[in-house]
């Protein structure tokens, strides 16, 4: 599956953004989908994931209650709604697809999008 993320941009602290990830391929519904983020010089960090089977969602503690991951299998798309953004959320955000477990682990993901930059100003 090929992925393309979009929706990043510059937003003030406390604001919201919605990231989208468009996927190609007829088997999208069989992939768990995740969002990760990376700040230059730091390791890639898990943000959120959604399972393919029952739509269970998982979040990093740092975004729990502020971010919501969702998917629309009819559109081959996954979304990340980000509310109450903080300057520490500034990063390049990547969407990824997985057929392995656990879906909170970066190494479980086999396909990655190109990333979209989110900048939160204070």
PDB file of N, CA and C in Angstrom:
ATOM      1  N   UNK A   1       0.848  -1.183   0.000  1.00  0.00           N
ATOM      2  CA  UNK A   1       0.000   0.000   0.000  1.00  0.00           C
ATOM      3  C   UNK A   1       0.890   1.241   0.000  1.00  0.00           C
ATOM      4  N   UNK A   2       0.495   2.227  -0.804  1.00  0.00           N
ATOM      5  CA  UNK A   2       1.234   3.497  -0.835  1.00  0.00           C
ATOM      6  C   UNK A   2       0.433   4.558  -0.101  1.00  0.00           C
ATOM      7  N   UNK A   3       1.155   5.420   0.603  1.00  0.00           N
ATOM      8  CA  UNK A   3       0.510   6.381   1.480  1.00  0.00           C
ATOM      9  C   UNK A   3       0.965   7.793   1.175  1.00  0.00           C
ATOM     10  N   UNK A   4       0.047   8.736   1.324  1.00  0.00           N
ATOM     11  CA  UNK A   4       0.393  10.147   1.162  1.00  0.00           C
ATOM     12  C   UNK A   4      -0.316  10.955   2.233  1.00  0.00           C
ATOM     13  N   UNK A   5       0.483  11.590   3.075  1.00  0.00           N
ATOM     14  CA  UNK A   5      -0.055  12.394   4.165  1.00  0.00           C
ATOM     15  C   UNK A   5      -0.178  13.853   3.739  1.00  0.00           C
ATOM     16  N   UNK A   6      -1.153  14.527   4.327  1.00  0.00           N
ATOM     17  CA  UNK A   6      -1.360  15.948   4.047  1.00  0.00           C
ATOM     18  C   UNK A   6      -2.056  16.587   5.235  1.00  0.00           C
ATOM     19  N   UNK A   7      -2.126  17.923   5.205  1.00  0.00           N
ATOM     20  CA  UNK A   7      -2.873  18.638   6.224  1.00  0.00           C
ATOM     21  C   UNK A   7      -2.030  19.374   7.242  1.00  0.00           C
ATOM     22  N   UNK A   8      -0.720  19.212   7.162  1.00  0.00           N
ATOM     23  CA  UNK A   8       0.125  19.918   8.095  1.00  0.00           C
ATOM     24  C   UNK A   8       0.130  21.413   7.834  1.00  0.00           C
ATOM     25  N   UNK A   9       0.714  22.151   8.772  1.00  0.00           N
ATOM     26  CA  UNK A   9       0.795  23.596   8.608  1.00  0.00           C
ATOM     27  C   UNK A   9       1.214  24.265   9.885  1.00  0.00           C
ATOM     28  N   UNK A  10       1.058  25.565   9.901  1.00  0.00           N
ATOM     29  CA  UNK A  10       1.414  26.386  11.054  1.00  0.00           C
ATOM     30  C   UNK A  10       0.143  26.763  11.804  1.00  0.00           C
ATOM     31  N   UNK A  11       0.156  26.541  13.101  1.00  0.00           N
ATOM     32  CA  UNK A  11      -1.014  26.845  13.926  1.00  0.00           C
ATOM     33  C   UNK A  11      -0.541  27.372  15.273  1.00  0.00           C
ATOM     34  N   UNK A  12      -1.328  28.214  15.871  1.00  0.00           N
ATOM     35  CA  UNK A  12      -0.993  28.724  17.195  1.00  0.00           C
ATOM     36  C   UNK A  12      -1.331  27.696  18.266  1.00  0.00           C
ATOM     37  N   UNK A  13      -0.633  27.789  19.366  1.00  0.00           N
ATOM     38  CA  UNK A  13      -0.919  26.905  20.498  1.00  0.00           C
ATOM     39  C   UNK A  13      -2.396  27.028  20.879  1.00  0.00           C
ATOM     40  N   UNK A  14      -2.989  25.868  21.146  1.00  0.00           N
ATOM     41  CA  UNK A  14      -4.410  25.825  21.451  1.00  0.00           C
ATOM     42  C   UNK A  14      -5.292  25.585  20.245  1.00  0.00           C
ATOM     43  N   UNK A  15      -4.706  25.685  19.067  1.00  0.00           N
ATOM     44  CA  UNK A  15      -5.462  25.500  17.840  1.00  0.00           C
ATOM     45  C   UNK A  15      -5.599  24.041  17.453  1.00  0.00           C
ATOM     46  N   UNK A  16      -6.174  23.834  16.273  1.00  0.00           N
ATOM     47  CA  UNK A  16      -6.459  22.479  15.791  1.00  0.00           C
ATOM     48  C   UNK A  16      -5.978  22.311  14.357  1.00  0.00           C
ATOM     49  N   UNK A  17      -5.660  21.084  14.022  1.00  0.00           N
ATOM     50  CA  UNK A  17      -5.351  20.684  12.654  1.00  0.00           C
ATOM     51  C   UNK A  17      -5.889  19.288  12.443  1.00  0.00           C
ATOM     52  N   UNK A  18      -6.198  18.985  11.192  1.00  0.00           N
ATOM     53  CA  UNK A  18      -6.620  17.633  10.846  1.00  0.00           C
ATOM     54  C   UNK A  18      -5.702  17.103   9.754  1.00  0.00           C
ATOM     55  N   UNK A  19      -4.982  16.064  10.080  1.00  0.00           N
ATOM     56  CA  UNK A  19      -4.128  15.418   9.109  1.00  0.00           C
ATOM     57  C   UNK A  19      -4.905  14.325   8.387  1.00  0.00           C
ATOM     58  N   UNK A  20      -4.587  14.175   7.121  1.00  0.00           N
ATOM     59  CA  UNK A  20      -5.205  13.121   6.324  1.00  0.00           C
ATOM     60  C   UNK A  20      -4.112  12.261   5.713  1.00  0.00           C
ATOM     61  N   UNK A  21      -4.452  11.012   5.485  1.00  0.00           N
ATOM     62  CA  UNK A  21      -3.527  10.086   4.841  1.00  0.00           C
ATOM     63  C   UNK A  21      -4.325   9.283   3.827  1.00  0.00           C
ATOM     64  N   UNK A  22      -3.980   9.466   2.571  1.00  0.00           N
ATOM     65  CA  UNK A  22      -4.646   8.738   1.498  1.00  0.00           C
ATOM     66  C   UNK A  22      -3.834   7.515   1.131  1.00  0.00           C
ATOM     67  N   UNK A  23      -4.518   6.389   0.993  1.00  0.00           N
ATOM     68  CA  UNK A  23      -3.841   5.127   0.694  1.00  0.00           C
ATOM     69  C   UNK A  23      -4.302   4.582  -0.646  1.00  0.00           C
ATOM     70  N   UNK A  24      -3.376   3.972  -1.354  1.00  0.00           N
ATOM     71  CA  UNK A  24      -3.714   3.278  -2.587  1.00  0.00           C
ATOM     72  C   UNK A  24      -3.751   1.790  -2.315  1.00  0.00           C
ATOM     73  N   UNK A  25      -4.466   1.045  -3.124  1.00  0.00           N
ATOM     74  CA  UNK A  25      -4.509  -0.398  -2.941  1.00  0.00           C
ATOM     75  C   UNK A  25      -5.869  -0.868  -2.474  1.00  0.00           C
ATOM     76  N   UNK A  26      -6.228  -2.082  -2.886  1.00  0.00           N
ATOM     77  CA  UNK A  26      -7.554  -2.612  -2.595  1.00  0.00           C
ATOM     78  C   UNK A  26      -7.644  -3.272  -1.244  1.00  0.00           C
ATOM     79  N   UNK A  27      -6.501  -3.446  -0.546  1.00  0.00           N
ATOM     80  CA  UNK A  27      -6.520  -4.155   0.732  1.00  0.00           C
ATOM     81  C   UNK A  27      -6.353  -3.222   1.912  1.00  0.00           C
ATOM     82  N   UNK A  28      -6.624  -1.945   1.710  1.00  0.00           N
ATOM     83  CA  UNK A  28      -6.425  -0.959   2.787  1.00  0.00           C
ATOM     84  C   UNK A  28      -7.152  -1.367   4.057  1.00  0.00           C
ATOM     85  N   UNK A  29      -8.341  -1.910   3.926  1.00  0.00           N
ATOM     86  CA  UNK A  29      -9.149  -2.234   5.105  1.00  0.00           C
ATOM     87  C   UNK A  29      -8.525  -3.331   5.966  1.00  0.00           C
ATOM     88  N   UNK A  30      -7.544  -4.052   5.418  1.00  0.00           N
ATOM     89  CA  UNK A  30      -6.875  -5.112   6.171  1.00  0.00           C
ATOM     90  C   UNK A  30      -5.599  -4.632   6.874  1.00  0.00           C
ATOM     91  N   UNK A  31      -5.319  -3.355   6.793  1.00  0.00           N
ATOM     92  CA  UNK A  31      -4.142  -2.798   7.441  1.00  0.00           C
ATOM     93  C   UNK A  31      -4.535  -2.001   8.680  1.00  0.00           C
ATOM     94  N   UNK A  32      -3.800  -2.211   9.746  1.00  0.00           N
ATOM     95  CA  UNK A  32      -3.843  -1.249  10.839  1.00  0.00           C
ATOM     96  C   UNK A  32      -3.098   0.001  10.370  1.00  0.00           C
ATOM     97  N   UNK A  33      -3.558   1.145  10.839  1.00  0.00           N
ATOM     98  CA  UNK A  33      -2.941   2.405  10.428  1.00  0.00           C
ATOM     99  C   UNK A  33      -2.452   3.174  11.645  1.00  0.00           C
ATOM    100  N   UNK A  34      -1.328   3.816  11.481  1.00  0.00           N
ATOM    101  CA  UNK A  34      -0.768   4.561  12.594  1.00  0.00           C
ATOM    102  C   UNK A  34      -0.236   5.909  12.166  1.00  0.00           C
ATOM    103  N   UNK A  35      -0.091   6.762  13.140  1.00  0.00           N
ATOM    104  CA  UNK A  35       0.571   8.060  12.969  1.00  0.00           C
ATOM    105  C   UNK A  35       1.779   8.098  13.906  1.00  0.00           C
ATOM    106  N   UNK A  36       2.872   8.554  13.360  1.00  0.00           N
ATOM    107  CA  UNK A  36       4.101   8.745  14.118  1.00  0.00           C
ATOM    108  C   UNK A  36       4.582  10.161  13.866  1.00  0.00           C
ATOM    109  N   UNK A  37       5.483  10.636  14.692  1.00  0.00           N
ATOM    110  CA  UNK A  37       6.042  11.966  14.479  1.00  0.00           C
ATOM    111  C   UNK A  37       7.522  11.964  14.839  1.00  0.00           C
ATOM    112  N   UNK A  38       8.219  12.891  14.215  1.00  0.00           N
ATOM    113  CA  UNK A  38       9.652  12.978  14.452  1.00  0.00           C
ATOM    114  C   UNK A  38      10.113  14.415  14.423  1.00  0.00           C
ATOM    115  N   UNK A  39      10.887  14.764  15.422  1.00  0.00           N
ATOM    116  CA  UNK A  39      11.567  16.048  15.496  1.00  0.00           C
ATOM    117  C   UNK A  39      13.007  15.814  15.065  1.00  0.00           C
ATOM    118  N   UNK A  40      13.581  16.701  14.256  1.00  0.00           N
ATOM    119  CA  UNK A  40      14.972  16.507  13.828  1.00  0.00           C
ATOM    120  C   UNK A  40      15.899  16.269  15.012  1.00  0.00           C
ATOM    121  N   UNK A  41      16.705  15.227  14.901  1.00  0.00           N
ATOM    122  CA  UNK A  41      17.650  14.903  15.957  1.00  0.00           C
ATOM    123  C   UNK A  41      17.082  14.001  17.038  1.00  0.00           C
ATOM    124  N   UNK A  42      15.800  13.676  16.933  1.00  0.00           N
ATOM    125  CA  UNK A  42      15.176  12.807  17.922  1.00  0.00           C
ATOM    126  C   UNK A  42      14.594  11.576  17.237  1.00  0.00           C
ATOM    127  N   UNK A  43      14.301  10.584  18.036  1.00  0.00           N
ATOM    128  CA  UNK A  43      13.739   9.352  17.501  1.00  0.00           C
ATOM    129  C   UNK A  43      12.292   9.554  17.082  1.00  0.00           C
ATOM    130  N   UNK A  44      11.871   8.717  16.152  1.00  0.00           N
ATOM    131  CA  UNK A  44      10.487   8.707  15.723  1.00  0.00           C
ATOM    132  C   UNK A  44       9.618   8.240  16.887  1.00  0.00           C
ATOM    133  N   UNK A  45       8.491   8.902  17.071  1.00  0.00           N
ATOM    134  CA  UNK A  45       7.638   8.668  18.236  1.00  0.00           C
ATOM    135  C   UNK A  45       6.239   8.224  17.807  1.00  0.00           C
ATOM    136  N   UNK A  46       5.733   7.196  18.440  1.00  0.00           N
ATOM    137  CA  UNK A  46       4.362   6.743  18.199  1.00  0.00           C
ATOM    138  C   UNK A  46       3.385   7.813  18.683  1.00  0.00           C
ATOM    139  N   UNK A  47       2.352   8.057  17.888  1.00  0.00           N
ATOM    140  CA  UNK A  47       1.330   9.033  18.248  1.00  0.00           C
ATOM    141  C   UNK A  47      -0.022   8.337  18.455  1.00  0.00           C
ATOM    142  N   UNK A  48      -0.482   7.615  17.438  1.00  0.00           N
ATOM    143  CA  UNK A  48      -1.804   6.991  17.509  1.00  0.00           C
ATOM    144  C   UNK A  48      -1.896   5.878  16.483  1.00  0.00           C
ATOM    145  N   UNK A  49      -2.785   4.929  16.749  1.00  0.00           N
ATOM    146  CA  UNK A  49      -3.004   3.831  15.817  1.00  0.00           C
ATOM    147  C   UNK A  49      -4.451   3.370  15.902  1.00  0.00           C
ATOM    148  N   UNK A  50      -4.896   2.771  14.782  1.00  0.00           N
ATOM    149  CA  UNK A  50      -6.247   2.231  14.730  1.00  0.00           C
ATOM    150  C   UNK A  50      -6.188   0.866  14.064  1.00  0.00           C
ATOM    151  N   UNK A  51      -6.836  -0.106  14.646  1.00  0.00           N
ATOM    152  CA  UNK A  51      -6.764  -1.469  14.130  1.00  0.00           C
ATOM    153  C   UNK A  51      -7.620  -1.621  12.881  1.00  0.00           C
ATOM    154  N   UNK A  52      -7.348  -2.688  12.119  1.00  0.00           N
ATOM    155  CA  UNK A  52      -8.151  -2.940  10.931  1.00  0.00           C
ATOM    156  C   UNK A  52      -9.398  -3.745  11.257  1.00  0.00           C
ATOM    157  N   UNK A  53      -9.362  -4.500  12.350  1.00  0.00           N
ATOM    158  CA  UNK A  53     -10.413  -5.476  12.616  1.00  0.00           C
ATOM    159  C   UNK A  53     -11.644  -4.867  13.275  1.00  0.00           C
ATOM    160  N   UNK A  54     -11.447  -4.190  14.396  1.00  0.00           N
ATOM    161  CA  UNK A  54     -12.599  -3.667  15.133  1.00  0.00           C
ATOM    162  C   UNK A  54     -12.515  -2.166  15.370  1.00  0.00           C
ATOM    163  N   UNK A  55     -11.514  -1.528  14.766  1.00  0.00           N
ATOM    164  CA  UNK A  55     -11.398  -0.083  14.908  1.00  0.00           C
ATOM    165  C   UNK A  55     -10.894   0.371  16.257  1.00  0.00           C
ATOM    166  N   UNK A  56     -10.293  -0.540  17.016  1.00  0.00           N
ATOM    167  CA  UNK A  56      -9.722  -0.131  18.299  1.00  0.00           C
ATOM    168  C   UNK A  56      -8.651   0.921  18.085  1.00  0.00           C
ATOM    169  N   UNK A  57      -8.593   1.870  18.992  1.00  0.00           N
ATOM    170  CA  UNK A  57      -7.636   2.958  18.873  1.00  0.00           C
ATOM    171  C   UNK A  57      -6.671   2.968  20.055  1.00  0.00           C
ATOM    172  N   UNK A  58      -5.486   3.471  19.780  1.00  0.00           N
ATOM    173  CA  UNK A  58      -4.417   3.523  20.768  1.00  0.00           C
ATOM    174  C   UNK A  58      -3.733   4.882  20.641  1.00  0.00           C
ATOM    175  N   UNK A  59      -3.322   5.436  21.772  1.00  0.00           N
ATOM    176  CA  UNK A  59      -2.714   6.758  21.771  1.00  0.00           C
ATOM    177  C   UNK A  59      -1.505   6.810  22.687  1.00  0.00           C
ATOM    178  N   UNK A  60      -0.559   7.634  22.314  1.00  0.00           N
ATOM    179  CA  UNK A  60       0.526   7.959  23.222  1.00  0.00           C
ATOM    180  C   UNK A  60      -0.043   8.800  24.358  1.00  0.00           C
ATOM    181  N   UNK A  61       0.530   8.642  25.524  1.00  0.00           N
ATOM    182  CA  UNK A  61       0.033   9.390  26.684  1.00  0.00           C
ATOM    183  C   UNK A  61       0.086  10.898  26.439  1.00  0.00           C
ATOM    184  N   UNK A  62       1.065  11.334  25.674  1.00  0.00           N
ATOM    185  CA  UNK A  62       1.261  12.766  25.457  1.00  0.00           C
ATOM    186  C   UNK A  62       0.150  13.403  24.622  1.00  0.00           C
ATOM    187  N   UNK A  63      -0.623  12.584  23.895  1.00  0.00           N
ATOM    188  CA  UNK A  63      -1.674  13.143  23.040  1.00  0.00           C
ATOM    189  C   UNK A  63      -3.057  12.675  23.432  1.00  0.00           C
ATOM    190  N   UNK A  64      -3.142  11.778  24.378  1.00  0.00           N
ATOM    191  CA  UNK A  64      -4.424  11.215  24.786  1.00  0.00           C
ATOM    192  C   UNK A  64      -5.365  12.328  25.270  1.00  0.00           C
ATOM    193  N   UNK A  65      -6.591  12.299  24.763  1.00  0.00           N
ATOM    194  CA  UNK A  65      -7.562  13.318  25.126  1.00  0.00           C
ATOM    195  C   UNK A  65      -7.522  14.544  24.236  1.00  0.00           C
ATOM    196  N   UNK A  66      -6.472  14.684  23.419  1.00  0.00           N
ATOM    197  CA  UNK A  66      -6.358  15.829  22.514  1.00  0.00           C
ATOM    198  C   UNK A  66      -6.427  15.410  21.045  1.00  0.00           C
ATOM    199  N   UNK A  67      -5.892  14.242  20.731  1.00  0.00           N
ATOM    200  CA  UNK A  67      -5.848  13.758  19.346  1.00  0.00           C
ATOM    201  C   UNK A  67      -6.848  12.612  19.185  1.00  0.00           C
ATOM    202  N   UNK A  68      -7.401  12.506  17.980  1.00  0.00           N
ATOM    203  CA  UNK A  68      -8.307  11.417  17.659  1.00  0.00           C
ATOM    204  C   UNK A  68      -7.952  10.851  16.290  1.00  0.00           C
ATOM    205  N   UNK A  69      -7.732   9.557  16.252  1.00  0.00           N
ATOM    206  CA  UNK A  69      -7.473   8.878  14.987  1.00  0.00           C
ATOM    207  C   UNK A  69      -8.753   8.210  14.514  1.00  0.00           C
ATOM    208  N   UNK A  70      -8.963   8.260  13.207  1.00  0.00           N
ATOM    209  CA  UNK A  70     -10.145   7.622  12.633  1.00  0.00           C
ATOM    210  C   UNK A  70      -9.797   7.149  11.224  1.00  0.00           C
ATOM    211  N   UNK A  71     -10.642   6.297  10.678  1.00  0.00           N
ATOM    212  CA  UNK A  71     -10.410   5.808   9.325  1.00  0.00           C
ATOM    213  C   UNK A  71     -11.727   5.690   8.581  1.00  0.00           C
ATOM    214  N   UNK A  72     -11.634   5.814   7.270  1.00  0.00           N
ATOM    215  CA  UNK A  72     -12.785   5.635   6.392  1.00  0.00           C
ATOM    216  C   UNK A  72     -12.345   4.659   5.309  1.00  0.00           C
ATOM    217  N   UNK A  73     -12.703   3.397   5.487  1.00  0.00           N
ATOM    218  CA  UNK A  73     -12.255   2.377   4.546  1.00  0.00           C
ATOM    219  C   UNK A  73     -12.858   2.572   3.154  1.00  0.00           C
ATOM    220  N   UNK A  74     -14.014   3.224   3.076  1.00  0.00           N
ATOM    221  CA  UNK A  74     -14.633   3.458   1.766  1.00  0.00           C
ATOM    222  C   UNK A  74     -13.834   4.471   0.950  1.00  0.00           C
ATOM    223  N   UNK A  75     -13.047   5.289   1.650  1.00  0.00           N
ATOM    224  CA  UNK A  75     -12.229   6.304   0.984  1.00  0.00           C
ATOM    225  C   UNK A  75     -10.743   5.974   1.038  1.00  0.00           C
ATOM    226  N   UNK A  76     -10.401   4.822   1.599  1.00  0.00           N
ATOM    227  CA  UNK A  76      -8.978   4.459   1.766  1.00  0.00           C
ATOM    228  C   UNK A  76      -8.217   5.579   2.462  1.00  0.00           C
ATOM    229  N   UNK A  77      -8.738   6.032   3.577  1.00  0.00           N
ATOM    230  CA  UNK A  77      -8.135   7.175   4.242  1.00  0.00           C
ATOM    231  C   UNK A  77      -8.130   6.992   5.756  1.00  0.00           C
ATOM    232  N   UNK A  78      -7.140   7.596   6.360  1.00  0.00           N
ATOM    233  CA  UNK A  78      -7.042   7.661   7.813  1.00  0.00           C
ATOM    234  C   UNK A  78      -6.784   9.114   8.191  1.00  0.00           C
ATOM    235  N   UNK A  79      -7.296   9.508   9.333  1.00  0.00           N
ATOM    236  CA  UNK A  79      -7.224  10.902   9.749  1.00  0.00           C
ATOM    237  C   UNK A  79      -6.661  11.008  11.165  1.00  0.00           C
ATOM    238  N   UNK A  80      -6.100  12.156  11.444  1.00  0.00           N
ATOM    239  CA  UNK A  80      -5.667  12.472  12.798  1.00  0.00           C
ATOM    240  C   UNK A  80      -6.156  13.875  13.119  1.00  0.00           C
ATOM    241  N   UNK A  81      -7.187  13.944  13.948  1.00  0.00           N
ATOM    242  CA  UNK A  81      -7.697  15.228  14.404  1.00  0.00           C
ATOM    243  C   UNK A  81      -6.895  15.641  15.633  1.00  0.00           C
ATOM    244  N   UNK A  82      -6.253  16.796  15.545  1.00  0.00           N
ATOM    245  CA  UNK A  82      -5.381  17.272  16.617  1.00  0.00           C
ATOM    246  C   UNK A  82      -5.964  18.550  17.191  1.00  0.00           C
ATOM    247  N   UNK A  83      -6.349  18.509  18.434  1.00  0.00           N
ATOM    248  CA  UNK A  83      -6.904  19.665  19.129  1.00  0.00           C
ATOM    249  C   UNK A  83      -5.990  20.083  20.272  1.00  0.00           C
ATOM    250  N   UNK A  84      -6.210  21.274  20.752  1.00  0.00           N
ATOM    251  CA  UNK A  84      -5.426  21.799  21.877  1.00  0.00           C
ATOM    252  C   UNK A  84      -3.936  21.607  21.639  1.00  0.00           C
ATOM    253  N   UNK A  85      -3.500  21.987  20.476  1.00  0.00           N
ATOM    254  CA  UNK A  85      -2.102  21.767  20.105  1.00  0.00           C
ATOM    255  C   UNK A  85      -1.155  22.568  20.978  1.00  0.00           C
ATOM    256  N   UNK A  86       0.003  21.964  21.212  1.00  0.00           N
ATOM    257  CA  UNK A  86       1.040  22.564  22.036  1.00  0.00           C
ATOM    258  C   UNK A  86       2.307  22.712  21.204  1.00  0.00           C
ATOM    259  N   UNK A  87       3.182  23.631  21.581  1.00  0.00           N
ATOM    260  CA  UNK A  87       4.452  23.771  20.837  1.00  0.00           C
ATOM    261  C   UNK A  87       5.230  22.457  20.776  1.00  0.00           C
ATOM    262  N   UNK A  88       5.136  21.638  21.798  1.00  0.00           N
ATOM    263  CA  UNK A  88       5.865  20.364  21.795  1.00  0.00           C
ATOM    264  C   UNK A  88       5.270  19.342  20.827  1.00  0.00           C
ATOM    265  N   UNK A  89       4.142  19.652  20.208  1.00  0.00           N
ATOM    266  CA  UNK A  89       3.592  18.792  19.164  1.00  0.00           C
ATOM    267  C   UNK A  89       4.241  19.069  17.807  1.00  0.00           C
ATOM    268  N   UNK A  90       5.058  20.088  17.732  1.00  0.00           N
ATOM    269  CA  UNK A  90       5.738  20.422  16.486  1.00  0.00           C
ATOM    270  C   UNK A  90       6.632  19.266  16.038  1.00  0.00           C
ATOM    271  N   UNK A  91       6.420  18.796  14.816  1.00  0.00           N
ATOM    272  CA  UNK A  91       7.162  17.646  14.297  1.00  0.00           C
ATOM    273  C   UNK A  91       6.717  17.380  12.866  1.00  0.00           C
ATOM    274  N   UNK A  92       7.428  16.506  12.211  1.00  0.00           N
ATOM    275  CA  UNK A  92       6.947  15.942  10.951  1.00  0.00           C
ATOM    276  C   UNK A  92       6.111  14.716  11.308  1.00  0.00           C
ATOM    277  N   UNK A  93       4.913  14.664  10.803  1.00  0.00           N
ATOM    278  CA  UNK A  93       3.994  13.573  11.102  1.00  0.00           C
ATOM    279  C   UNK A  93       3.922  12.617   9.916  1.00  0.00           C
ATOM    280  N   UNK A  94       4.036  11.339  10.220  1.00  0.00           N
ATOM    281  CA  UNK A  94       4.005  10.295   9.205  1.00  0.00           C
ATOM    282  C   UNK A  94       2.839   9.353   9.450  1.00  0.00           C
ATOM    283  N   UNK A  95       2.166   8.965   8.378  1.00  0.00           N
ATOM    284  CA  UNK A  95       1.206   7.889   8.499  1.00  0.00           C
ATOM    285  C   UNK A  95       1.873   6.605   8.008  1.00  0.00           C
ATOM    286  N   UNK A  96       1.411   5.487   8.540  1.00  0.00           N
ATOM    287  CA  UNK A  96       2.029   4.213   8.227  1.00  0.00           C
ATOM    288  C   UNK A  96       0.998   3.104   8.286  1.00  0.00           C
ATOM    289  N   UNK A  97       1.293   2.017   7.577  1.00  0.00           N
ATOM    290  CA  UNK A  97       0.385   0.881   7.497  1.00  0.00           C
ATOM    291  C   UNK A  97       1.066  -0.380   8.015  1.00  0.00           C
ATOM    292  N   UNK A  98       0.293  -1.190   8.724  1.00  0.00           N
ATOM    293  CA  UNK A  98       0.864  -2.371   9.367  1.00  0.00           C
ATOM    294  C   UNK A  98      -0.049  -3.582   9.233  1.00  0.00           C
ATOM    295  N   UNK A  99       0.585  -4.754   9.058  1.00  0.00           N
ATOM    296  CA  UNK A  99      -0.140  -6.020   9.147  1.00  0.00           C
ATOM    297  C   UNK A  99       0.426  -6.879  10.270  1.00  0.00           C
ATOM    298  N   UNK A 100       1.240  -6.236  11.125  1.00  0.00           N
ATOM    299  CA  UNK A 100       1.875  -6.955  12.224  1.00  0.00           C
ATOM    300  C   UNK A 100       1.428  -6.345  13.551  1.00  0.00           C
ATOM    301  N   UNK A 101       1.799  -7.028  14.604  1.00  0.00           N
ATOM    302  CA  UNK A 101       1.501  -6.566  15.954  1.00  0.00           C
ATOM    303  C   UNK A 101       2.795  -6.418  16.740  1.00  0.00           C
ATOM    304  N   UNK A 102       2.800  -5.558  17.737  1.00  0.00           N
ATOM    305  CA  UNK A 102       1.740  -4.632  18.144  1.00  0.00           C
ATOM    306  C   UNK A 102       1.736  -3.375  17.270  1.00  0.00           C
ATOM    307  N   UNK A 103       0.596  -2.764  17.127  1.00  0.00           N
ATOM    308  CA  UNK A 103       0.501  -1.624  16.224  1.00  0.00           C
ATOM    309  C   UNK A 103       0.937  -0.320  16.878  1.00  0.00           C
ATOM    310  N   UNK A 104       1.409  -0.395  18.098  1.00  0.00           N
ATOM    311  CA  UNK A 104       2.005   0.767  18.742  1.00  0.00           C
ATOM    312  C   UNK A 104       3.512   0.811  18.532  1.00  0.00           C
ATOM    313  N   UNK A 105       4.033  -0.175  17.853  1.00  0.00           N
ATOM    314  CA  UNK A 105       5.470  -0.281  17.668  1.00  0.00           C
ATOM    315  C   UNK A 105       5.853   0.088  16.242  1.00  0.00           C
ATOM    316  N   UNK A 106       6.835   0.948  16.109  1.00  0.00           N
ATOM    317  CA  UNK A 106       7.256   1.443  14.791  1.00  0.00           C
ATOM    318  C   UNK A 106       7.658   0.302  13.869  1.00  0.00           C
ATOM    319  N   UNK A 107       8.346  -0.694  14.410  1.00  0.00           N
ATOM    320  CA  UNK A 107       8.865  -1.777  13.569  1.00  0.00           C
ATOM    321  C   UNK A 107       7.763  -2.663  13.007  1.00  0.00           C
ATOM    322  N   UNK A 108       6.553  -2.530  13.501  1.00  0.00           N
ATOM    323  CA  UNK A 108       5.439  -3.314  12.967  1.00  0.00           C
ATOM    324  C   UNK A 108       4.935  -2.773  11.641  1.00  0.00           C
ATOM    325  N   UNK A 109       5.357  -1.571  11.269  1.00  0.00           N
ATOM    326  CA  UNK A 109       4.810  -0.895  10.098  1.00  0.00           C
ATOM    327  C   UNK A 109       5.682  -1.123   8.882  1.00  0.00           C
ATOM    328  N   UNK A 110       5.046  -1.463   7.767  1.00  0.00           N
ATOM    329  CA  UNK A 110       5.769  -1.822   6.548  1.00  0.00           C
ATOM    330  C   UNK A 110       5.711  -0.751   5.474  1.00  0.00           C
ATOM    331  N   UNK A 111       4.731   0.128   5.536  1.00  0.00           N
ATOM    332  CA  UNK A 111       4.599   1.166   4.523  1.00  0.00           C
ATOM    333  C   UNK A 111       4.472   2.515   5.221  1.00  0.00           C
ATOM    334  N   UNK A 112       5.172   3.515   4.640  1.00  0.00           N
ATOM    335  CA  UNK A 112       5.201   4.842   5.252  1.00  0.00           C
ATOM    336  C   UNK A 112       4.918   5.910   4.213  1.00  0.00           C
ATOM    337  N   UNK A 113       4.193   6.934   4.639  1.00  0.00           N
ATOM    338  CA  UNK A 113       3.987   8.095   3.794  1.00  0.00           C
ATOM    339  C   UNK A 113       5.179   9.031   3.881  1.00  0.00           C
ATOM    340  N   UNK A 114       5.120  10.129   3.163  1.00  0.00           N
ATOM    341  CA  UNK A 114       6.263  11.026   3.044  1.00  0.00           C
ATOM    342  C   UNK A 114       6.374  12.019   4.191  1.00  0.00           C
ATOM    343  N   UNK A 115       5.361  12.154   5.012  1.00  0.00           N
ATOM    344  CA  UNK A 115       5.419  13.073   6.133  1.00  0.00           C
ATOM    345  C   UNK A 115       4.828  14.427   5.819  1.00  0.00           C
ATOM    346  N   UNK A 116       4.240  15.041   6.835  1.00  0.00           N
ATOM    347  CA  UNK A 116       3.702  16.384   6.701  1.00  0.00           C
ATOM    348  C   UNK A 116       4.083  17.157   7.964  1.00  0.00           C
ATOM    349  N   UNK A 117       4.551  18.386   7.772  1.00  0.00           N
ATOM    350  CA  UNK A 117       5.101  19.165   8.871  1.00  0.00           C
ATOM    351  C   UNK A 117       4.003  19.914   9.614  1.00  0.00           C
ATOM    352  N   UNK A 118       4.015  19.753  10.925  1.00  0.00           N
ATOM    353  CA  UNK A 118       3.118  20.494  11.807  1.00  0.00           C
ATOM    354  C   UNK A 118       3.973  21.391  12.689  1.00  0.00           C
ATOM    355  N   UNK A 119       3.683  22.681  12.665  1.00  0.00           N
ATOM    356  CA  UNK A 119       4.413  23.643  13.479  1.00  0.00           C
ATOM    357  C   UNK A 119       3.414  24.372  14.367  1.00  0.00           C
ATOM    358  N   UNK A 120       3.651  24.300  15.668  1.00  0.00           N
ATOM    359  CA  UNK A 120       2.768  24.949  16.631  1.00  0.00           C
ATOM    360  C   UNK A 120       3.541  26.084  17.297  1.00  0.00           C
ATOM    361  N   UNK A 121       3.070  27.283  17.104  1.00  0.00           N
ATOM    362  CA  UNK A 121       3.754  28.450  17.668  1.00  0.00           C
ATOM    363  C   UNK A 121       3.171  28.786  19.036  1.00  0.00           C
ATOM    364  N   UNK A 122       4.031  29.310  19.881  1.00  0.00           N
ATOM    365  CA  UNK A 122       3.597  29.645  21.248  1.00  0.00           C
ATOM    366  C   UNK A 122       3.077  31.068  21.332  1.00  0.00           C
TER     367      UNK A 122
END
